[in-house]
N, C-alpha and C. Protein backbone atom coordinates (compact mmCIF):
# COMPACT_ATOMS: atom_id res chain seq x y z
N MET A 1 66.15 97.90 104.43
CA MET A 1 67.28 97.52 104.59
C MET A 1 67.77 96.27 103.56
N ASN A 2 69.04 96.84 102.67
CA ASN A 2 69.27 96.16 101.20
C ASN A 2 70.94 95.75 101.65
N MET A 3 70.07 94.13 102.09
CA MET A 3 71.45 93.12 102.43
C MET A 3 72.52 92.98 101.44
N GLU A 4 73.75 92.91 101.52
CA GLU A 4 74.41 92.56 100.07
C GLU A 4 75.40 91.65 100.24
N THR A 5 75.82 90.80 99.99
CA THR A 5 76.99 89.79 100.46
C THR A 5 78.37 90.19 99.18
N VAL A 6 79.15 90.31 99.61
CA VAL A 6 80.27 90.80 98.58
C VAL A 6 82.08 90.01 98.89
N THR A 7 82.98 90.40 98.27
CA THR A 7 83.59 89.79 98.72
C THR A 7 84.63 91.17 99.38
N LEU A 8 85.74 90.79 100.38
CA LEU A 8 86.68 91.78 100.13
C LEU A 8 87.37 92.76 99.38
N ALA A 9 87.53 92.02 97.97
CA ALA A 9 88.16 92.26 96.93
C ALA A 9 87.34 93.25 96.77
N SER A 10 86.44 93.32 96.21
CA SER A 10 85.04 94.38 95.59
C SER A 10 85.19 95.77 96.56
N ILE A 11 85.34 95.27 97.90
CA ILE A 11 85.09 96.57 98.87
C ILE A 11 86.66 97.23 98.83
N VAL A 12 87.25 96.65 98.46
CA VAL A 12 89.07 97.41 98.33
C VAL A 12 89.23 98.22 96.84
N MET A 13 88.45 97.53 96.25
CA MET A 13 88.89 98.27 95.02
C MET A 13 87.91 99.30 94.33
N ARG A 14 86.99 98.89 95.43
CA ARG A 14 85.79 100.02 95.59
C ARG A 14 86.59 101.46 96.05
N CYS A 15 87.01 101.77 97.36
CA CYS A 15 87.18 102.51 98.11
C CYS A 15 88.55 102.91 97.82
N SER A 16 89.52 101.56 98.47
CA SER A 16 91.05 101.87 98.49
C SER A 16 91.93 100.64 97.69
N PRO A 17 91.69 100.80 96.01
CA PRO A 17 92.17 99.89 94.92
C PRO A 17 93.81 100.06 95.51
N LYS A 18 94.76 100.96 95.95
CA LYS A 18 96.19 100.84 96.06
C LYS A 18 96.47 99.80 96.86
N MET A 19 95.64 99.62 97.97
CA MET A 19 95.68 98.49 98.85
C MET A 19 95.65 96.97 98.07
N TYR A 20 94.96 97.01 97.36
CA TYR A 20 94.69 95.45 96.42
C TYR A 20 95.91 94.67 96.28
N PRO A 21 97.22 95.24 96.09
CA PRO A 21 98.01 94.40 95.44
C PRO A 21 98.89 94.03 96.68
N THR A 22 98.54 94.69 97.51
CA THR A 22 99.20 94.37 99.05
C THR A 22 98.22 93.30 100.28
N LEU A 23 97.11 92.80 99.74
CA LEU A 23 96.78 91.69 100.70
C LEU A 23 96.67 90.66 100.05
N LYS A 24 96.56 89.34 100.71
CA LYS A 24 97.02 88.10 100.46
C LYS A 24 95.25 87.74 99.60
N LYS A 25 95.42 86.99 98.53
CA LYS A 25 94.44 86.37 98.17
C LYS A 25 93.47 86.07 99.01
N GLU A 26 93.91 84.84 100.15
CA GLU A 26 92.49 84.65 101.72
C GLU A 26 91.92 85.79 101.63
N GLU A 27 92.71 87.31 101.86
CA GLU A 27 91.97 88.15 102.38
C GLU A 27 90.68 88.87 101.22
N LEU A 28 91.30 88.88 100.38
CA LEU A 28 90.70 89.43 99.14
C LEU A 28 89.37 88.43 98.93
N GLU A 29 89.25 87.19 99.16
CA GLU A 29 88.15 86.12 98.70
C GLU A 29 87.13 86.16 100.37
N SER A 30 88.21 87.17 101.07
CA SER A 30 87.04 86.79 102.36
C SER A 30 85.32 87.27 102.28
N VAL A 31 84.51 86.81 102.04
CA VAL A 31 82.84 87.03 102.07
C VAL A 31 82.42 88.25 103.31
N ILE A 32 82.03 89.19 102.76
CA ILE A 32 81.54 89.96 103.70
C ILE A 32 80.21 90.43 103.48
N VAL A 33 79.13 90.54 104.43
CA VAL A 33 78.20 90.93 104.31
C VAL A 33 77.80 92.47 104.66
N LEU A 34 76.65 93.47 103.80
CA LEU A 34 77.05 94.64 104.19
C LEU A 34 75.50 94.96 104.44
N ARG A 35 75.06 95.56 105.65
CA ARG A 35 73.94 95.80 105.65
C ARG A 35 72.58 96.40 104.96
N ASP A 36 73.97 98.07 104.49
CA ASP A 36 72.95 98.48 103.59
C ASP A 36 73.60 98.49 102.03
N GLY A 37 73.95 96.88 101.81
CA GLY A 37 74.99 97.29 100.18
C GLY A 37 76.34 98.12 100.53
N LEU A 38 76.75 97.40 99.06
CA LEU A 38 78.16 97.94 98.61
C LEU A 38 77.88 99.71 98.48
N ALA A 39 76.63 99.91 97.72
CA ALA A 39 76.45 101.17 97.58
C ALA A 39 76.62 102.49 98.69
N GLN A 40 76.06 101.68 99.88
CA GLN A 40 75.56 102.74 100.85
C GLN A 40 76.84 102.98 101.56
N LEU A 41 78.18 102.44 101.43
CA LEU A 41 79.44 102.12 102.07
C LEU A 41 80.06 103.17 101.97
N GLU A 42 80.60 103.53 103.55
CA GLU A 42 81.62 104.86 103.08
C GLU A 42 82.96 104.68 103.36
N ALA A 43 83.57 105.42 102.73
CA ALA A 43 85.15 105.43 102.88
C ALA A 43 85.82 104.63 104.34
N GLU A 44 85.19 105.44 105.68
CA GLU A 44 85.93 105.47 106.68
C GLU A 44 85.44 103.34 107.24
N ASP A 45 84.19 103.58 107.07
CA ASP A 45 83.53 102.08 107.27
C ASP A 45 84.43 101.27 106.20
N ALA A 46 84.48 101.22 105.15
CA ALA A 46 85.39 100.26 103.75
C ALA A 46 86.35 99.82 104.78
N LEU A 47 87.84 101.35 105.29
CA LEU A 47 88.57 100.99 105.77
C LEU A 47 88.57 100.09 107.16
N ASP A 48 87.27 100.51 107.72
CA ASP A 48 87.30 99.31 109.07
C ASP A 48 87.25 98.33 108.56
N ILE A 49 86.59 97.90 107.68
CA ILE A 49 86.33 96.50 107.34
C ILE A 49 87.24 95.91 106.88
N ILE A 50 87.87 96.20 106.35
CA ILE A 50 89.21 95.72 105.22
C ILE A 50 90.72 95.46 106.80
N LYS A 51 90.68 96.65 107.68
CA LYS A 51 91.47 96.23 108.55
C LYS A 51 90.86 95.14 109.46
N TYR A 52 89.29 94.88 110.09
CA TYR A 52 89.11 93.92 110.90
C TYR A 52 89.28 92.54 110.16
N SER A 53 89.47 92.61 108.73
CA SER A 53 89.58 91.16 108.16
C SER A 53 91.13 91.22 108.01
N ILE A 54 91.81 91.87 107.89
CA ILE A 54 93.21 91.74 107.61
C ILE A 54 93.33 91.11 109.28
N CYS A 55 92.97 91.56 110.41
CA CYS A 55 93.30 91.38 111.78
C CYS A 55 92.77 90.00 112.01
N GLU A 56 92.10 89.55 111.68
CA GLU A 56 90.94 88.02 111.68
C GLU A 56 92.20 86.82 110.79
N HIS A 57 92.18 87.74 109.73
CA HIS A 57 93.51 86.50 109.07
C HIS A 57 94.76 85.90 110.04
N GLN A 58 95.06 87.51 110.35
CA GLN A 58 96.31 87.13 110.76
C GLN A 58 95.96 86.64 112.44
N LYS A 59 95.27 86.47 113.13
CA LYS A 59 94.74 85.81 114.17
C LYS A 59 94.43 84.21 113.73
N GLN A 60 93.97 83.93 112.77
CA GLN A 60 93.91 82.51 112.12
C GLN A 60 95.26 81.83 111.59
N GLN A 61 96.58 82.52 111.38
CA GLN A 61 97.39 82.36 111.15
C GLN A 61 97.97 81.71 112.15
N LEU A 62 98.19 82.62 113.38
CA LEU A 62 98.74 82.34 114.61
C LEU A 62 98.47 81.09 115.11
N LEU A 63 97.12 80.98 115.12
CA LEU A 63 96.14 79.86 115.93
C LEU A 63 96.48 78.55 115.28
N GLN A 64 97.42 78.63 114.04
CA GLN A 64 97.40 77.49 113.08
C GLN A 64 98.97 76.50 113.48
């Protein structure tokens, strides 16, 4: 197992660069730990991570 810590921006730029301008700075700076590293990340899994991160940031905004 090759764990790797990356930012959401790294995932977005690798898998869906067109989404980059639509995300907020705080979302892009989110730290993500990938169990098998960025090289093994599949596009479908990347989109799930991006969606989850956006939802988490929206929840935090609602709680403030």
